[in-house]
Amino acid sequence: MQAGVGELIRRWRDRLDPASCGFSKSPARRVPGIRREELAQLAGVSVDYLVRLEQGRATHPTESVISSLARALQLNRAERDHLYRTAGLLPPGDALIDDHISPGVHRVLARLADLPVAVFTADWHLIRWTPTWAALIGDPSAVPGPLRNLVRLIFADVDTGDLVHPNKSTLGSHHLESALVADLRSAQVVHPHDPRLSRLIRDMRLQHPRFEELWQRAVVGVHASDRKTIIHPVVGEIVLDCDVLLVPGSDLRLVLYSATPGSRDSELLEFLKVVEPAAGGS
């Protein structure tokens, strides 16, 4: 008999390495894999809902829940598609922007856990981050959903308070704006029928004149290494290198901050890990 959603989740949860998920692997652990509470935290669902899902009492999980669980469980594409079908959902097709994070990228994130690193989709929606990213930039789990999209955040120029710490770019804001608009143009060619992407482009063109200007000009921009000053409420200004890396074979982008070894900024980054511990998430 085919396993149900709850049984699949339990199996895959039991095989996860806590360290690869950003959790300590202490001798006190007496069960394999990660705890139910830890999976709930990674997937952004309540523990109570996850309990009901694993016990088969929640029978109609939404696409967003299944997508979040697939990322948190570090499923490969075949496993992800199987989870979707078992839940009675169609797996994401090639026409849609893929937000699946491969096990290889999960391993990279685990190895880079001491650095501020985040994973974005082709339409620049934030889907994963390291604890150090949350400590440096602000905890994305506290940010309203729409503002987890970098395009909306940059062009809307809204006051996010302490939720997202401000920064200054050596290259200037125009460079990032041009690169983001160019990225959305490229994404539209590859995913012309993706509803989330279409809605984002429509909203940005209607609501933000600067975006519309760059869109009409068919501006071409690329992401280059930048040097940014993060204005942190606890430690003040931290100057870091910022790089955007493309994940081969996918639409994903990794944004990574790093400090010059032995510098004051490196020491401040180390200090932040202690005074502002935060769990990575999605």
C-alpha atoms as a PDB file:
ATOM      1  CA  MET A   1       0.000   0.000   0.000  1.00  0.00           C
ATOM      2  CA  GLN A   2       1.291   3.433  -0.915  1.00  0.00           C
ATOM      3  CA  ALA A   3       2.468   5.566   2.001  1.00  0.00           C
ATOM      4  CA  GLY A   4       0.363   8.614   2.806  1.00  0.00           C
ATOM      5  CA  VAL A   5       1.592  12.177   3.246  1.00  0.00           C
ATOM      6  CA  GLY A   6       2.066  11.768   6.998  1.00  0.00           C
ATOM      7  CA  GLU A   7       4.139   8.608   6.692  1.00  0.00           C
ATOM      8  CA  LEU A   8       6.302  10.131   3.957  1.00  0.00           C
ATOM      9  CA  ILE A   9       6.992  13.191   6.085  1.00  0.00           C
ATOM     10  CA  ARG A  10       7.969  11.043   9.072  1.00  0.00           C
ATOM     11  CA  ARG A  11      10.307   8.889   6.958  1.00  0.00           C
ATOM     12  CA  TRP A  12      12.036  11.870   5.404  1.00  0.00           C
ATOM     13  CA  ARG A  13      12.228  13.742   8.720  1.00  0.00           C
ATOM     14  CA  ASP A  14      13.936  10.734  10.325  1.00  0.00           C
ATOM     15  CA  ARG A  15      16.704  10.648   7.719  1.00  0.00           C
ATOM     16  CA  LEU A  16      17.717  14.312   8.027  1.00  0.00           C
ATOM     17  CA  ASP A  17      20.999  15.244   9.647  1.00  0.00           C
ATOM     18  CA  PRO A  18      20.298  17.921  12.305  1.00  0.00           C
ATOM     19  CA  ALA A  19      23.601  19.663  11.561  1.00  0.00           C
ATOM     20  CA  SER A  20      22.719  20.066   7.867  1.00  0.00           C
ATOM     21  CA  CYS A  21      19.514  21.807   8.950  1.00  0.00           C
ATOM     22  CA  GLY A  22      21.262  24.246  11.271  1.00  0.00           C
ATOM     23  CA  PHE A  23      20.557  22.404  14.532  1.00  0.00           C
ATOM     24  CA  SER A  24      23.048  21.069  17.057  1.00  0.00           C
ATOM     25  CA  LYS A  25      23.640  17.329  17.102  1.00  0.00           C
ATOM     26  CA  SER A  26      23.950  16.771  20.838  1.00  0.00           C
ATOM     27  CA  PRO A  27      24.251  13.436  22.681  1.00  0.00           C
ATOM     28  CA  ALA A  28      20.849  14.176  24.217  1.00  0.00           C
ATOM     29  CA  ARG A  29      19.158  13.350  20.905  1.00  0.00           C
ATOM     30  CA  ARG A  30      17.594   9.919  21.194  1.00  0.00           C
ATOM     31  CA  VAL A  31      15.697   9.819  17.919  1.00  0.00           C
ATOM     32  CA  PRO A  32      16.987   9.769  14.337  1.00  0.00           C
ATOM     33  CA  GLY A  33      16.665  12.823  12.149  1.00  0.00           C
ATOM     34  CA  ILE A  34      15.229  16.119  13.320  1.00  0.00           C
ATOM     35  CA  ARG A  35      12.443  16.729  15.787  1.00  0.00           C
ATOM     36  CA  ARG A  36       8.920  17.548  14.713  1.00  0.00           C
ATOM     37  CA  GLU A  37       9.277  21.014  16.269  1.00  0.00           C
ATOM     38  CA  GLU A  38      12.406  21.635  14.210  1.00  0.00           C
ATOM     39  CA  LEU A  39      10.747  20.647  10.948  1.00  0.00           C
ATOM     40  CA  ALA A  40       7.792  22.898  11.761  1.00  0.00           C
ATOM     41  CA  GLN A  41      10.202  25.774  12.323  1.00  0.00           C
ATOM     42  CA  LEU A  42      12.032  25.168   9.048  1.00  0.00           C
ATOM     43  CA  ALA A  43       8.813  24.845   7.045  1.00  0.00           C
ATOM     44  CA  GLY A  44       7.054  27.781   8.689  1.00  0.00           C
ATOM     45  CA  VAL A  45       4.048  25.769   9.881  1.00  0.00           C
ATOM     46  CA  SER A  46       2.695  25.254  13.381  1.00  0.00           C
ATOM     47  CA  VAL A  47       3.735  22.203  15.372  1.00  0.00           C
ATOM     48  CA  ASP A  48       0.074  21.354  15.944  1.00  0.00           C
ATOM     49  CA  TYR A  49      -0.633  21.349  12.207  1.00  0.00           C
ATOM     50  CA  LEU A  50       2.413  19.192  11.512  1.00  0.00           C
ATOM     51  CA  VAL A  51       1.279  16.698  14.171  1.00  0.00           C
ATOM     52  CA  ARG A  52      -2.148  16.466  12.529  1.00  0.00           C
ATOM     53  CA  LEU A  53      -0.539  16.119   9.106  1.00  0.00           C
ATOM     54  CA  GLU A  54       1.764  13.298  10.216  1.00  0.00           C
ATOM     55  CA  GLN A  55      -1.116  11.532  11.965  1.00  0.00           C
ATOM     56  CA  GLY A  56      -3.340  11.798   8.893  1.00  0.00           C
ATOM     57  CA  ARG A  57      -5.846  14.130  10.548  1.00  0.00           C
ATOM     58  CA  ALA A  58      -5.057  17.061   8.230  1.00  0.00           C
ATOM     59  CA  THR A  59      -5.998  15.648   4.854  1.00  0.00           C
ATOM     60  CA  HIS A  60      -5.853  18.576   2.428  1.00  0.00           C
ATOM     61  CA  PRO A  61      -2.533  20.445   2.759  1.00  0.00           C
ATOM     62  CA  THR A  62      -2.159  23.446   0.481  1.00  0.00           C
ATOM     63  CA  GLU A  63       0.416  23.767  -2.279  1.00  0.00           C
ATOM     64  CA  SER A  64       2.359  26.339  -0.254  1.00  0.00           C
ATOM     65  CA  VAL A  65       2.569  23.975   2.740  1.00  0.00           C
ATOM     66  CA  ILE A  66       3.751  21.059   0.593  1.00  0.00           C
ATOM     67  CA  SER A  67       6.280  23.298  -1.152  1.00  0.00           C
ATOM     68  CA  SER A  68       7.671  24.509   2.190  1.00  0.00           C
ATOM     69  CA  LEU A  69       7.843  20.963   3.567  1.00  0.00           C
ATOM     70  CA  ALA A  70       9.639  19.713   0.440  1.00  0.00           C
ATOM     71  CA  ARG A  71      12.308  22.391   0.896  1.00  0.00           C
ATOM     72  CA  ALA A  72      12.632  21.796   4.637  1.00  0.00           C
ATOM     73  CA  LEU A  73      12.910  18.016   4.125  1.00  0.00           C
ATOM     74  CA  GLN A  74      15.613  18.552   1.465  1.00  0.00           C
ATOM     75  CA  LEU A  75      13.793  16.384  -1.070  1.00  0.00           C
ATOM     76  CA  ASN A  76      15.133  15.803  -4.553  1.00  0.00           C
ATOM     77  CA  ARG A  77      12.850  16.523  -7.506  1.00  0.00           C
ATOM     78  CA  ALA A  78      11.456  12.993  -7.762  1.00  0.00           C
ATOM     79  CA  GLU A  79      10.661  12.911  -4.041  1.00  0.00           C
ATOM     80  CA  ARG A  80       9.124  16.366  -4.176  1.00  0.00           C
ATOM     81  CA  ASP A  81       6.889  15.396  -7.090  1.00  0.00           C
ATOM     82  CA  HIS A  82       5.856  12.206  -5.254  1.00  0.00           C
ATOM     83  CA  LEU A  83       4.919  14.234  -2.172  1.00  0.00           C
ATOM     84  CA  TYR A  84       2.834  16.586  -4.313  1.00  0.00           C
ATOM     85  CA  ARG A  85       0.965  13.735  -5.992  1.00  0.00           C
ATOM     86  CA  THR A  86       0.391  11.917  -2.692  1.00  0.00           C
ATOM     87  CA  ALA A  87      -1.143  15.131  -1.355  1.00  0.00           C
ATOM     88  CA  GLY A  88      -3.445  15.266  -4.395  1.00  0.00           C
ATOM     89  CA  LEU A  89      -1.581  18.162  -6.010  1.00  0.00           C
ATOM     90  CA  LEU A  90       0.069  18.588  -9.394  1.00  0.00           C
ATOM     91  CA  PRO A  91       3.854  18.932  -9.137  1.00  0.00           C
ATOM     92  CA  PRO A  92       5.311  22.240 -10.334  1.00  0.00           C
ATOM     93  CA  GLY A  93       5.771  22.218 -14.092  1.00  0.00           C
ATOM     94  CA  ASP A  94       8.599  23.662 -16.146  1.00  0.00           C
ATOM     95  CA  ALA A  95       6.389  26.640 -16.988  1.00  0.00           C
ATOM     96  CA  LEU A  96       6.476  27.777 -13.357  1.00  0.00           C
ATOM     97  CA  ILE A  97       9.350  29.277 -11.433  1.00  0.00           C
ATOM     98  CA  ASP A  98      10.952  26.504  -9.432  1.00  0.00           C
ATOM     99  CA  ASP A  99      11.552  27.129  -5.741  1.00  0.00           C
ATOM    100  CA  HIS A 100      12.944  23.656  -5.093  1.00  0.00           C
ATOM    101  CA  ILE A 101      16.279  23.556  -3.261  1.00  0.00           C
ATOM    102  CA  SER A 102      18.325  20.497  -4.148  1.00  0.00           C
ATOM    103  CA  PRO A 103      20.095  18.417  -1.475  1.00  0.00           C
ATOM    104  CA  GLY A 104      23.397  19.723  -2.853  1.00  0.00           C
ATOM    105  CA  VAL A 105      22.415  23.333  -2.196  1.00  0.00           C
ATOM    106  CA  HIS A 106      21.234  22.349   1.279  1.00  0.00           C
ATOM    107  CA  ARG A 107      24.694  20.907   1.918  1.00  0.00           C
ATOM    108  CA  VAL A 108      26.319  24.110   0.684  1.00  0.00           C
ATOM    109  CA  LEU A 109      24.146  26.146   3.046  1.00  0.00           C
ATOM    110  CA  ALA A 110      25.076  23.873   5.941  1.00  0.00           C
ATOM    111  CA  ARG A 111      28.777  24.377   5.202  1.00  0.00           C
ATOM    112  CA  LEU A 112      28.284  28.150   4.902  1.00  0.00           C
ATOM    113  CA  ALA A 113      26.130  28.448   8.024  1.00  0.00           C
ATOM    114  CA  ASP A 114      28.665  30.812   9.621  1.00  0.00           C
ATOM    115  CA  LEU A 115      28.226  33.274   6.751  1.00  0.00           C
ATOM    116  CA  PRO A 116      25.220  35.444   5.862  1.00  0.00           C
ATOM    117  CA  VAL A 117      23.783  33.510   2.899  1.00  0.00           C
ATOM    118  CA  ALA A 118      20.281  33.492   1.428  1.00  0.00           C
ATOM    119  CA  VAL A 119      18.583  31.662  -1.443  1.00  0.00           C
ATOM    120  CA  PHE A 120      16.283  33.518  -3.841  1.00  0.00           C
ATOM    121  CA  THR A 121      14.092  32.293  -6.699  1.00  0.00           C
ATOM    122  CA  ALA A 122      14.175  33.618 -10.281  1.00  0.00           C
ATOM    123  CA  ASP A 123      11.677  36.343  -9.314  1.00  0.00           C
ATOM    124  CA  TRP A 124      13.810  37.229  -6.275  1.00  0.00           C
ATOM    125  CA  HIS A 125      11.583  35.744  -3.601  1.00  0.00           C
ATOM    126  CA  LEU A 126      13.543  34.793  -0.476  1.00  0.00           C
ATOM    127  CA  ILE A 127      13.044  31.113   0.361  1.00  0.00           C
ATOM    128  CA  ARG A 128      15.969  30.140   2.588  1.00  0.00           C
ATOM    129  CA  TRP A 129      18.600  31.795   4.763  1.00  0.00           C
ATOM    130  CA  THR A 130      21.309  30.966   7.252  1.00  0.00           C
ATOM    131  CA  PRO A 131      21.125  31.988  10.926  1.00  0.00           C
ATOM    132  CA  THR A 132      23.917  34.499  10.316  1.00  0.00           C
ATOM    133  CA  TRP A 133      21.883  36.153   7.539  1.00  0.00           C
ATOM    134  CA  ALA A 134      19.028  36.658   9.999  1.00  0.00           C
ATOM    135  CA  ALA A 135      21.411  38.076  12.604  1.00  0.00           C
ATOM    136  CA  LEU A 136      22.961  40.517  10.113  1.00  0.00           C
ATOM    137  CA  ILE A 137      20.083  41.572   7.867  1.00  0.00           C
ATOM    138  CA  GLY A 138      17.082  40.930  10.131  1.00  0.00           C
ATOM    139  CA  ASP A 139      15.021  37.789  10.643  1.00  0.00           C
ATOM    140  CA  PRO A 140      13.031  37.200   7.418  1.00  0.00           C
ATOM    141  CA  SER A 141      10.443  35.132   9.309  1.00  0.00           C
ATOM    142  CA  ALA A 142       9.271  38.398  10.916  1.00  0.00           C
ATOM    143  CA  VAL A 143       8.951  40.191   7.568  1.00  0.00           C
ATOM    144  CA  PRO A 144       5.533  40.362   5.832  1.00  0.00           C
ATOM    145  CA  GLY A 145       5.354  37.944   2.903  1.00  0.00           C
ATOM    146  CA  PRO A 146       5.373  40.511   0.051  1.00  0.00           C
ATOM    147  CA  LEU A 147       8.505  42.181   1.431  1.00  0.00           C
ATOM    148  CA  ARG A 148      10.410  38.897   1.292  1.00  0.00           C
ATOM    149  CA  ASN A 149      10.612  39.671  -2.415  1.00  0.00           C
ATOM    150  CA  LEU A 150      13.752  41.711  -3.033  1.00  0.00           C
ATOM    151  CA  VAL A 151      12.272  43.526  -6.047  1.00  0.00           C
ATOM    152  CA  ARG A 152       9.297  44.775  -4.028  1.00  0.00           C
ATOM    153  CA  LEU A 153      11.550  45.684  -1.112  1.00  0.00           C
ATOM    154  CA  ILE A 154      14.008  47.689  -3.234  1.00  0.00           C
ATOM    155  CA  PHE A 155      11.527  49.583  -5.400  1.00  0.00           C
ATOM    156  CA  ALA A 156       8.772  50.113  -2.823  1.00  0.00           C
ATOM    157  CA  ASP A 157      11.202  51.955  -0.522  1.00  0.00           C
ATOM    158  CA  VAL A 158       9.024  51.216   2.502  1.00  0.00           C
ATOM    159  CA  ASP A 159       9.967  51.738   6.132  1.00  0.00           C
ATOM    160  CA  THR A 160      10.547  48.260   7.535  1.00  0.00           C
ATOM    161  CA  GLY A 161      11.707  49.513  10.937  1.00  0.00           C
ATOM    162  CA  ASP A 162      14.098  47.011  12.492  1.00  0.00           C
ATOM    163  CA  LEU A 163      12.759  44.101  10.420  1.00  0.00           C
ATOM    164  CA  VAL A 164      15.228  44.650   7.570  1.00  0.00           C
ATOM    165  CA  HIS A 165      18.418  46.511   8.439  1.00  0.00           C
ATOM    166  CA  PRO A 166      19.329  49.251   5.921  1.00  0.00           C
ATOM    167  CA  ASN A 167      22.473  49.155   3.818  1.00  0.00           C
ATOM    168  CA  LYS A 168      24.546  51.376   1.551  1.00  0.00           C
ATOM    169  CA  SER A 169      26.043  50.090  -1.702  1.00  0.00           C
ATOM    170  CA  THR A 170      29.387  51.111  -3.196  1.00  0.00           C
ATOM    171  CA  LEU A 171      27.996  50.572  -6.699  1.00  0.00           C
ATOM    172  CA  GLY A 172      24.870  52.604  -5.965  1.00  0.00           C
ATOM    173  CA  SER A 173      21.193  51.653  -5.918  1.00  0.00           C
ATOM    174  CA  HIS A 174      20.820  52.118  -9.699  1.00  0.00           C
ATOM    175  CA  HIS A 175      23.096  49.139 -10.357  1.00  0.00           C
ATOM    176  CA  LEU A 176      20.983  46.731  -8.301  1.00  0.00           C
ATOM    177  CA  GLU A 177      17.737  48.145  -9.710  1.00  0.00           C
ATOM    178  CA  SER A 178      18.911  47.611 -13.293  1.00  0.00           C
ATOM    179  CA  ALA A 179      20.078  44.070 -12.550  1.00  0.00           C
ATOM    180  CA  LEU A 180      16.778  43.139 -10.876  1.00  0.00           C
ATOM    181  CA  VAL A 181      14.675  44.454 -13.763  1.00  0.00           C
ATOM    182  CA  ALA A 182      16.883  42.590 -16.246  1.00  0.00           C
ATOM    183  CA  ASP A 183      16.457  39.418 -14.174  1.00  0.00           C
ATOM    184  CA  LEU A 184      12.667  39.698 -14.303  1.00  0.00           C
ATOM    185  CA  ARG A 185      12.776  40.215 -18.071  1.00  0.00           C
ATOM    186  CA  SER A 186      14.841  37.045 -18.439  1.00  0.00           C
ATOM    187  CA  ALA A 187      12.553  35.139 -16.086  1.00  0.00           C
ATOM    188  CA  GLN A 188       9.507  36.233 -18.101  1.00  0.00           C
ATOM    189  CA  VAL A 189      11.028  34.731 -21.256  1.00  0.00           C
ATOM    190  CA  VAL A 190      11.627  31.384 -19.538  1.00  0.00           C
ATOM    191  CA  HIS A 191       8.409  31.348 -17.477  1.00  0.00           C
ATOM    192  CA  PRO A 192       5.838  33.378 -19.467  1.00  0.00           C
ATOM    193  CA  HIS A 193       2.872  31.685 -17.773  1.00  0.00           C
ATOM    194  CA  ASP A 194       4.011  31.841 -14.157  1.00  0.00           C
ATOM    195  CA  PRO A 195       1.187  33.668 -12.320  1.00  0.00           C
ATOM    196  CA  ARG A 196       3.342  34.931  -9.442  1.00  0.00           C
ATOM    197  CA  LEU A 197       5.908  36.412 -11.811  1.00  0.00           C
ATOM    198  CA  SER A 198       3.234  37.973 -14.032  1.00  0.00           C
ATOM    199  CA  ARG A 199       1.541  39.525 -11.004  1.00  0.00           C
ATOM    200  CA  LEU A 200       4.846  40.890  -9.693  1.00  0.00           C
ATOM    201  CA  ILE A 201       5.762  42.530 -13.004  1.00  0.00           C
ATOM    202  CA  ARG A 202       2.262  43.977 -13.423  1.00  0.00           C
ATOM    203  CA  ASP A 203       2.217  45.405  -9.896  1.00  0.00           C
ATOM    204  CA  MET A 204       5.698  46.885 -10.185  1.00  0.00           C
ATOM    205  CA  ARG A 205       4.981  48.549 -13.534  1.00  0.00           C
ATOM    206  CA  LEU A 206       1.725  50.049 -12.287  1.00  0.00           C
ATOM    207  CA  GLN A 207       2.857  51.157  -8.851  1.00  0.00           C
ATOM    208  CA  HIS A 208       6.498  52.173  -9.200  1.00  0.00           C
ATOM    209  CA  PRO A 209       7.535  54.711 -11.876  1.00  0.00           C
ATOM    210  CA  ARG A 210      11.243  53.944 -11.512  1.00  0.00           C
ATOM    211  CA  PHE A 211      10.621  50.263 -12.282  1.00  0.00           C
ATOM    212  CA  GLU A 212       8.422  51.166 -15.272  1.00  0.00           C
ATOM    213  CA  GLU A 213      11.116  53.497 -16.604  1.00  0.00           C
ATOM    214  CA  LEU A 214      13.754  50.763 -16.485  1.00  0.00           C
ATOM    215  CA  TRP A 215      11.323  48.227 -17.952  1.00  0.00           C
ATOM    216  CA  GLN A 216      10.427  50.483 -20.887  1.00  0.00           C
ATOM    217  CA  ARG A 217      14.109  51.109 -21.582  1.00  0.00           C
ATOM    218  CA  ALA A 218      14.706  47.339 -21.715  1.00  0.00           C
ATOM    219  CA  VAL A 219      17.664  48.035 -19.491  1.00  0.00           C
ATOM    220  CA  VAL A 220      20.420  45.429 -19.376  1.00  0.00           C
ATOM    221  CA  GLY A 221      22.062  44.876 -16.016  1.00  0.00           C
ATOM    222  CA  VAL A 222      24.190  42.205 -14.401  1.00  0.00           C
ATOM    223  CA  HIS A 223      25.046  41.447 -10.806  1.00  0.00           C
ATOM    224  CA  ALA A 224      28.612  42.372  -9.924  1.00  0.00           C
ATOM    225  CA  SER A 225      30.520  41.985  -6.698  1.00  0.00           C
ATOM    226  CA  ASP A 226      29.563  44.872  -4.454  1.00  0.00           C
ATOM    227  CA  ARG A 227      30.796  46.267  -1.174  1.00  0.00           C
ATOM    228  CA  LYS A 228      27.976  47.085   1.196  1.00  0.00           C
ATOM    229  CA  THR A 229      27.726  48.816   4.532  1.00  0.00           C
ATOM    230  CA  ILE A 230      25.074  47.210   6.725  1.00  0.00           C
ATOM    231  CA  ILE A 231      23.708  49.582   9.356  1.00  0.00           C
ATOM    232  CA  HIS A 232      22.980  47.247  12.259  1.00  0.00           C
ATOM    233  CA  PRO A 233      21.033  48.456  15.334  1.00  0.00           C
ATOM    234  CA  VAL A 234      23.336  46.607  17.757  1.00  0.00           C
ATOM    235  CA  VAL A 235      26.875  46.875  16.365  1.00  0.00           C
ATOM    236  CA  GLY A 236      26.563  49.837  14.009  1.00  0.00           C
ATOM    237  CA  GLU A 237      28.116  49.809  10.537  1.00  0.00           C
ATOM    238  CA  ILE A 238      29.596  46.602   9.107  1.00  0.00           C
ATOM    239  CA  VAL A 239      31.351  46.736   5.729  1.00  0.00           C
ATOM    240  CA  LEU A 240      31.080  43.469   3.780  1.00  0.00           C
ATOM    241  CA  ASP A 241      31.571  42.115   0.282  1.00  0.00           C
ATOM    242  CA  CYS A 242      28.326  41.002  -1.379  1.00  0.00           C
ATOM    243  CA  ASP A 243      28.251  38.444  -4.187  1.00  0.00           C
ATOM    244  CA  VAL A 244      25.396  36.915  -6.184  1.00  0.00           C
ATOM    245  CA  LEU A 245      25.971  33.326  -7.298  1.00  0.00           C
ATOM    246  CA  LEU A 246      23.817  31.389  -9.770  1.00  0.00           C
ATOM    247  CA  VAL A 247      23.053  27.756  -8.915  1.00  0.00           C
ATOM    248  CA  PRO A 248      23.902  25.576 -11.958  1.00  0.00           C
ATOM    249  CA  GLY A 249      20.926  23.728 -13.400  1.00  0.00           C
ATOM    250  CA  SER A 250      18.322  25.888 -11.668  1.00  0.00           C
ATOM    251  CA  ASP A 251      16.901  29.408 -11.461  1.00  0.00           C
ATOM    252  CA  LEU A 252      18.098  29.895  -7.894  1.00  0.00           C
ATOM    253  CA  ARG A 253      20.438  32.647  -6.753  1.00  0.00           C
ATOM    254  CA  LEU A 254      22.632  32.625  -3.664  1.00  0.00           C
ATOM    255  CA  VAL A 255      23.413  35.997  -2.111  1.00  0.00           C
ATOM    256  CA  LEU A 256      26.461  35.849   0.136  1.00  0.00           C
ATOM    257  CA  TYR A 257      28.103  38.407   2.411  1.00  0.00           C
ATOM    258  CA  SER A 258      31.696  38.010   3.601  1.00  0.00           C
ATOM    259  CA  ALA A 259      34.241  40.045   5.541  1.00  0.00           C
ATOM    260  CA  THR A 260      37.970  40.451   5.063  1.00  0.00           C
ATOM    261  CA  PRO A 261      39.645  37.949   7.426  1.00  0.00           C
ATOM    262  CA  GLY A 262      41.081  39.558  10.545  1.00  0.00           C
ATOM    263  CA  SER A 263      39.275  42.847   9.957  1.00  0.00           C
ATOM    264  CA  ARG A 264      37.122  44.745  12.415  1.00  0.00           C
ATOM    265  CA  ASP A 265      34.112  43.858  10.269  1.00  0.00           C
ATOM    266  CA  SER A 266      34.942  40.164  10.567  1.00  0.00           C
ATOM    267  CA  GLU A 267      35.055  40.539  14.353  1.00  0.00           C
ATOM    268  CA  LEU A 268      31.698  42.346  14.366  1.00  0.00           C
ATOM    269  CA  LEU A 269      30.158  39.576  12.280  1.00  0.00           C
ATOM    270  CA  GLU A 270      31.446  36.978  14.746  1.00  0.00           C
ATOM    271  CA  PHE A 271      30.040  39.043  17.614  1.00  0.00           C
ATOM    272  CA  LEU A 272      26.607  39.152  15.950  1.00  0.00           C
ATOM    273  CA  LYS A 273      26.412  35.365  15.891  1.00  0.00           C
ATOM    274  CA  VAL A 274      26.614  35.399  19.681  1.00  0.00           C
ATOM    275  CA  VAL A 275      24.391  38.344  20.577  1.00  0.00           C
ATOM    276  CA  GLU A 276      21.700  37.734  17.950  1.00  0.00           C
ATOM    277  CA  PRO A 277      21.338  33.970  17.470  1.00  0.00           C
ATOM    278  CA  ALA A 278      18.580  33.103  15.011  1.00  0.00           C
ATOM    279  CA  ALA A 279      17.528  29.946  13.227  1.00  0.00           C
ATOM    280  CA  GLY A 280      17.718  29.633   9.480  1.00  0.00           C
ATOM    281  CA  GLY A 281      14.363  29.181   7.822  1.00  0.00           C
ATOM    282  CA  SER A 282      12.111  29.314   4.826  1.00  0.00           C
END
